Amino acid sequence: MWNKHDDGLSRDWGGRVWLNPPYSRPLILQFVGKMAAHGNGIALLFNRCDNAMFHDIIFPTATAMKLLRKRIRFYRPDGTQGTSPGCGSVLIAWGEDNAIALRENELEGKYIQLDNAIK
């Protein structure tokens, strides 16, 4: 596990990756681009399917996505729960094994297979 002090962009990624990227620009674009190039993992992102990152990076490369039904409320380091975010979340899968993990998990939401799936 790497955190913001470890510079995950400069490291080699191996195997299945779980990505909860920094949501600020340009870092989110760099991390999602690296995930797309790596091609094996799941990313947690805001559900902003209308933005350029989805159209330019995610839709052309990802295998599947799961639009989560409820908004995620994260916990702060002190253990208190944060407020509801202003936007829903989506899980994006690269690779068939990760797409299966999204399709078969029990999280409420809508699973969508993308055209990039291995046939």
C-alpha atoms as a PDB file:
ATOM      1  CA  MET A   1       0.000   0.000   0.000  1.00  0.00           C
ATOM      2  CA  TRP A   2       1.301   3.386  -0.967  1.00  0.00           C
ATOM      3  CA  ASN A   3       0.120   6.719   0.363  1.00  0.00           C
ATOM      4  CA  LYS A   4       0.646  10.289  -0.780  1.00  0.00           C
ATOM      5  CA  HIS A   5       4.220  10.294   0.550  1.00  0.00           C
ATOM      6  CA  ASP A   6       5.282   7.279  -1.545  1.00  0.00           C
ATOM      7  CA  ASP A   7       4.906   8.775  -5.061  1.00  0.00           C
ATOM      8  CA  GLY A   8       2.929   5.947  -6.619  1.00  0.00           C
ATOM      9  CA  LEU A   9       3.277   7.491 -10.066  1.00  0.00           C
ATOM     10  CA  SER A  10       7.032   6.862 -10.112  1.00  0.00           C
ATOM     11  CA  ARG A  11       6.741   3.227  -8.951  1.00  0.00           C
ATOM     12  CA  ASP A  12       6.217   0.125 -11.039  1.00  0.00           C
ATOM     13  CA  TRP A  13       2.746  -1.316 -10.559  1.00  0.00           C
ATOM     14  CA  GLY A  14       2.485  -5.098 -10.523  1.00  0.00           C
ATOM     15  CA  GLY A  15      -0.507  -7.415 -10.325  1.00  0.00           C
ATOM     16  CA  ARG A  16      -3.996  -6.290  -9.390  1.00  0.00           C
ATOM     17  CA  VAL A  17      -4.119  -2.669  -8.231  1.00  0.00           C
ATOM     18  CA  TRP A  18      -6.714  -0.982  -6.019  1.00  0.00           C
ATOM     19  CA  LEU A  19      -6.699   2.726  -6.864  1.00  0.00           C
ATOM     20  CA  ASN A  20      -8.270   5.444  -4.761  1.00  0.00           C
ATOM     21  CA  PRO A  21      -6.458   8.329  -6.444  1.00  0.00           C
ATOM     22  CA  PRO A  22      -6.052  11.901  -5.328  1.00  0.00           C
ATOM     23  CA  TYR A  23      -9.093  13.662  -6.769  1.00  0.00           C
ATOM     24  CA  SER A  24      -7.278  16.896  -7.593  1.00  0.00           C
ATOM     25  CA  ARG A  25      -6.137  17.751 -11.091  1.00  0.00           C
ATOM     26  CA  PRO A  26      -3.748  16.952 -12.675  1.00  0.00           C
ATOM     27  CA  LEU A  27      -2.984  14.055 -10.297  1.00  0.00           C
ATOM     28  CA  ILE A  28      -6.252  12.202 -10.894  1.00  0.00           C
ATOM     29  CA  LEU A  29      -5.630  12.224 -14.650  1.00  0.00           C
ATOM     30  CA  GLN A  30      -2.087  10.928 -14.152  1.00  0.00           C
ATOM     31  CA  PHE A  31      -3.149   8.123 -11.811  1.00  0.00           C
ATOM     32  CA  VAL A  32      -6.106   7.035 -13.942  1.00  0.00           C
ATOM     33  CA  GLY A  33      -3.884   7.161 -17.039  1.00  0.00           C
ATOM     34  CA  LYS A  34      -1.325   4.949 -15.301  1.00  0.00           C
ATOM     35  CA  MET A  35      -4.083   2.512 -14.301  1.00  0.00           C
ATOM     36  CA  ALA A  36      -5.358   2.396 -17.883  1.00  0.00           C
ATOM     37  CA  ALA A  37      -1.838   1.632 -19.123  1.00  0.00           C
ATOM     38  CA  HIS A  38      -1.354  -0.992 -16.391  1.00  0.00           C
ATOM     39  CA  GLY A  39      -4.658  -2.635 -17.330  1.00  0.00           C
ATOM     40  CA  ASN A  40      -5.208  -4.680 -14.170  1.00  0.00           C
ATOM     41  CA  GLY A  41      -7.164  -3.217 -11.291  1.00  0.00           C
ATOM     42  CA  ILE A  42     -10.153  -1.388  -9.918  1.00  0.00           C
ATOM     43  CA  ALA A  43     -10.415   2.359  -9.328  1.00  0.00           C
ATOM     44  CA  LEU A  44     -12.827   4.228  -7.083  1.00  0.00           C
ATOM     45  CA  LEU A  45     -13.828   7.540  -8.657  1.00  0.00           C
ATOM     46  CA  PHE A  46     -16.546  10.145  -8.534  1.00  0.00           C
ATOM     47  CA  ASN A  47     -19.340   9.294 -10.974  1.00  0.00           C
ATOM     48  CA  ARG A  48     -18.689  12.062 -13.444  1.00  0.00           C
ATOM     49  CA  CYS A  49     -19.194  10.106 -16.643  1.00  0.00           C
ATOM     50  CA  ASP A  50     -19.685  13.278 -18.655  1.00  0.00           C
ATOM     51  CA  ASN A  51     -16.155  14.606 -18.128  1.00  0.00           C
ATOM     52  CA  ALA A  52     -13.159  14.336 -20.449  1.00  0.00           C
ATOM     53  CA  MET A  53     -11.313  11.814 -18.253  1.00  0.00           C
ATOM     54  CA  PHE A  54     -14.097   9.267 -18.745  1.00  0.00           C
ATOM     55  CA  HIS A  55     -14.368   9.903 -22.482  1.00  0.00           C
ATOM     56  CA  ASP A  56     -10.636  10.132 -23.200  1.00  0.00           C
ATOM     57  CA  ILE A  57      -9.151   7.566 -20.783  1.00  0.00           C
ATOM     58  CA  ILE A  58     -11.721   5.331 -19.093  1.00  0.00           C
ATOM     59  CA  PHE A  59     -14.286   4.506 -21.796  1.00  0.00           C
ATOM     60  CA  PRO A  60     -11.636   3.561 -24.407  1.00  0.00           C
ATOM     61  CA  THR A  61      -9.641   1.312 -22.030  1.00  0.00           C
ATOM     62  CA  ALA A  62     -11.726  -0.039 -19.125  1.00  0.00           C
ATOM     63  CA  THR A  63     -13.474  -3.407 -19.116  1.00  0.00           C
ATOM     64  CA  ALA A  64     -16.471  -2.631 -16.898  1.00  0.00           C
ATOM     65  CA  MET A  65     -17.883  -0.252 -14.334  1.00  0.00           C
ATOM     66  CA  LYS A  66     -20.295  -0.365 -11.437  1.00  0.00           C
ATOM     67  CA  LEU A  67     -22.289   2.751 -10.659  1.00  0.00           C
ATOM     68  CA  LEU A  68     -22.856   2.596  -6.911  1.00  0.00           C
ATOM     69  CA  ARG A  69     -26.414   3.186  -5.738  1.00  0.00           C
ATOM     70  CA  LYS A  70     -25.599   5.000  -2.512  1.00  0.00           C
ATOM     71  CA  ARG A  71     -23.033   7.680  -1.835  1.00  0.00           C
ATOM     72  CA  ILE A  72     -19.944   6.620   0.071  1.00  0.00           C
ATOM     73  CA  ARG A  73     -19.317   8.302   3.398  1.00  0.00           C
ATOM     74  CA  PHE A  74     -15.693   7.902   4.379  1.00  0.00           C
ATOM     75  CA  TYR A  75     -14.292   7.841   7.896  1.00  0.00           C
ATOM     76  CA  ARG A  76     -11.836  10.440   9.101  1.00  0.00           C
ATOM     77  CA  PRO A  77      -8.597   9.483  10.878  1.00  0.00           C
ATOM     78  CA  ASP A  78     -10.261  10.270  14.224  1.00  0.00           C
ATOM     79  CA  GLY A  79     -12.986   7.675  13.534  1.00  0.00           C
ATOM     80  CA  THR A  80     -15.850  10.076  12.849  1.00  0.00           C
ATOM     81  CA  GLN A  81     -17.844   9.611   9.682  1.00  0.00           C
ATOM     82  CA  GLY A  82     -17.696  12.287   7.026  1.00  0.00           C
ATOM     83  CA  THR A  83     -20.697  13.898   5.414  1.00  0.00           C
ATOM     84  CA  SER A  84     -22.281  12.682   2.210  1.00  0.00           C
ATOM     85  CA  PRO A  85     -20.269  13.820  -0.834  1.00  0.00           C
ATOM     86  CA  GLY A  86     -21.825  15.998  -3.502  1.00  0.00           C
ATOM     87  CA  CYS A  87     -21.475  13.259  -6.103  1.00  0.00           C
ATOM     88  CA  GLY A  88     -21.950   9.504  -6.312  1.00  0.00           C
ATOM     89  CA  SER A  89     -19.134   7.026  -6.862  1.00  0.00           C
ATOM     90  CA  VAL A  90     -18.257   4.477  -9.510  1.00  0.00           C
ATOM     91  CA  LEU A  91     -15.920   1.505  -9.511  1.00  0.00           C
ATOM     92  CA  ILE A  92     -13.982   1.074 -12.768  1.00  0.00           C
ATOM     93  CA  ALA A  93     -12.441  -2.298 -13.692  1.00  0.00           C
ATOM     94  CA  TRP A  94      -9.560  -2.972 -16.036  1.00  0.00           C
ATOM     95  CA  GLY A  95      -9.179  -6.659 -16.890  1.00  0.00           C
ATOM     96  CA  GLU A  96     -11.695  -9.479 -17.011  1.00  0.00           C
ATOM     97  CA  ASP A  97     -11.004 -10.788 -13.471  1.00  0.00           C
ATOM     98  CA  ASN A  98     -11.685  -7.323 -12.076  1.00  0.00           C
ATOM     99  CA  ALA A  99     -14.853  -6.987 -14.154  1.00  0.00           C
ATOM    100  CA  ILE A 100     -16.072 -10.285 -12.688  1.00  0.00           C
ATOM    101  CA  ALA A 101     -15.317  -8.968  -9.180  1.00  0.00           C
ATOM    102  CA  LEU A 102     -17.503  -5.932  -9.891  1.00  0.00           C
ATOM    103  CA  ARG A 103     -20.294  -7.977 -11.425  1.00  0.00           C
ATOM    104  CA  GLU A 104     -20.406 -10.543  -8.611  1.00  0.00           C
ATOM    105  CA  ASN A 105     -19.978  -8.340  -5.527  1.00  0.00           C
ATOM    106  CA  GLU A 106     -22.915  -7.480  -3.289  1.00  0.00           C
ATOM    107  CA  LEU A 107     -22.635  -3.702  -3.497  1.00  0.00           C
ATOM    108  CA  GLU A 108     -25.867  -2.099  -4.661  1.00  0.00           C
ATOM    109  CA  GLY A 109     -25.519  -0.522  -8.064  1.00  0.00           C
ATOM    110  CA  LYS A 110     -25.645  -0.957 -11.817  1.00  0.00           C
ATOM    111  CA  TYR A 111     -22.963  -3.098 -13.483  1.00  0.00           C
ATOM    112  CA  ILE A 112     -22.058  -2.056 -17.029  1.00  0.00           C
ATOM    113  CA  GLN A 113     -19.833  -4.120 -19.327  1.00  0.00           C
ATOM    114  CA  LEU A 114     -17.851  -1.846 -21.663  1.00  0.00           C
ATOM    115  CA  ASP A 115     -16.941  -2.545 -25.284  1.00  0.00           C
ATOM    116  CA  ASN A 116     -13.315  -3.145 -24.279  1.00  0.00           C
ATOM    117  CA  ALA A 117     -14.183  -6.430 -22.576  1.00  0.00           C
ATOM    118  CA  ILE A 118     -12.258  -9.463 -23.715  1.00  0.00           C
ATOM    119  CA  LYS A 119     -14.552 -11.426 -25.966  1.00  0.00           C
END
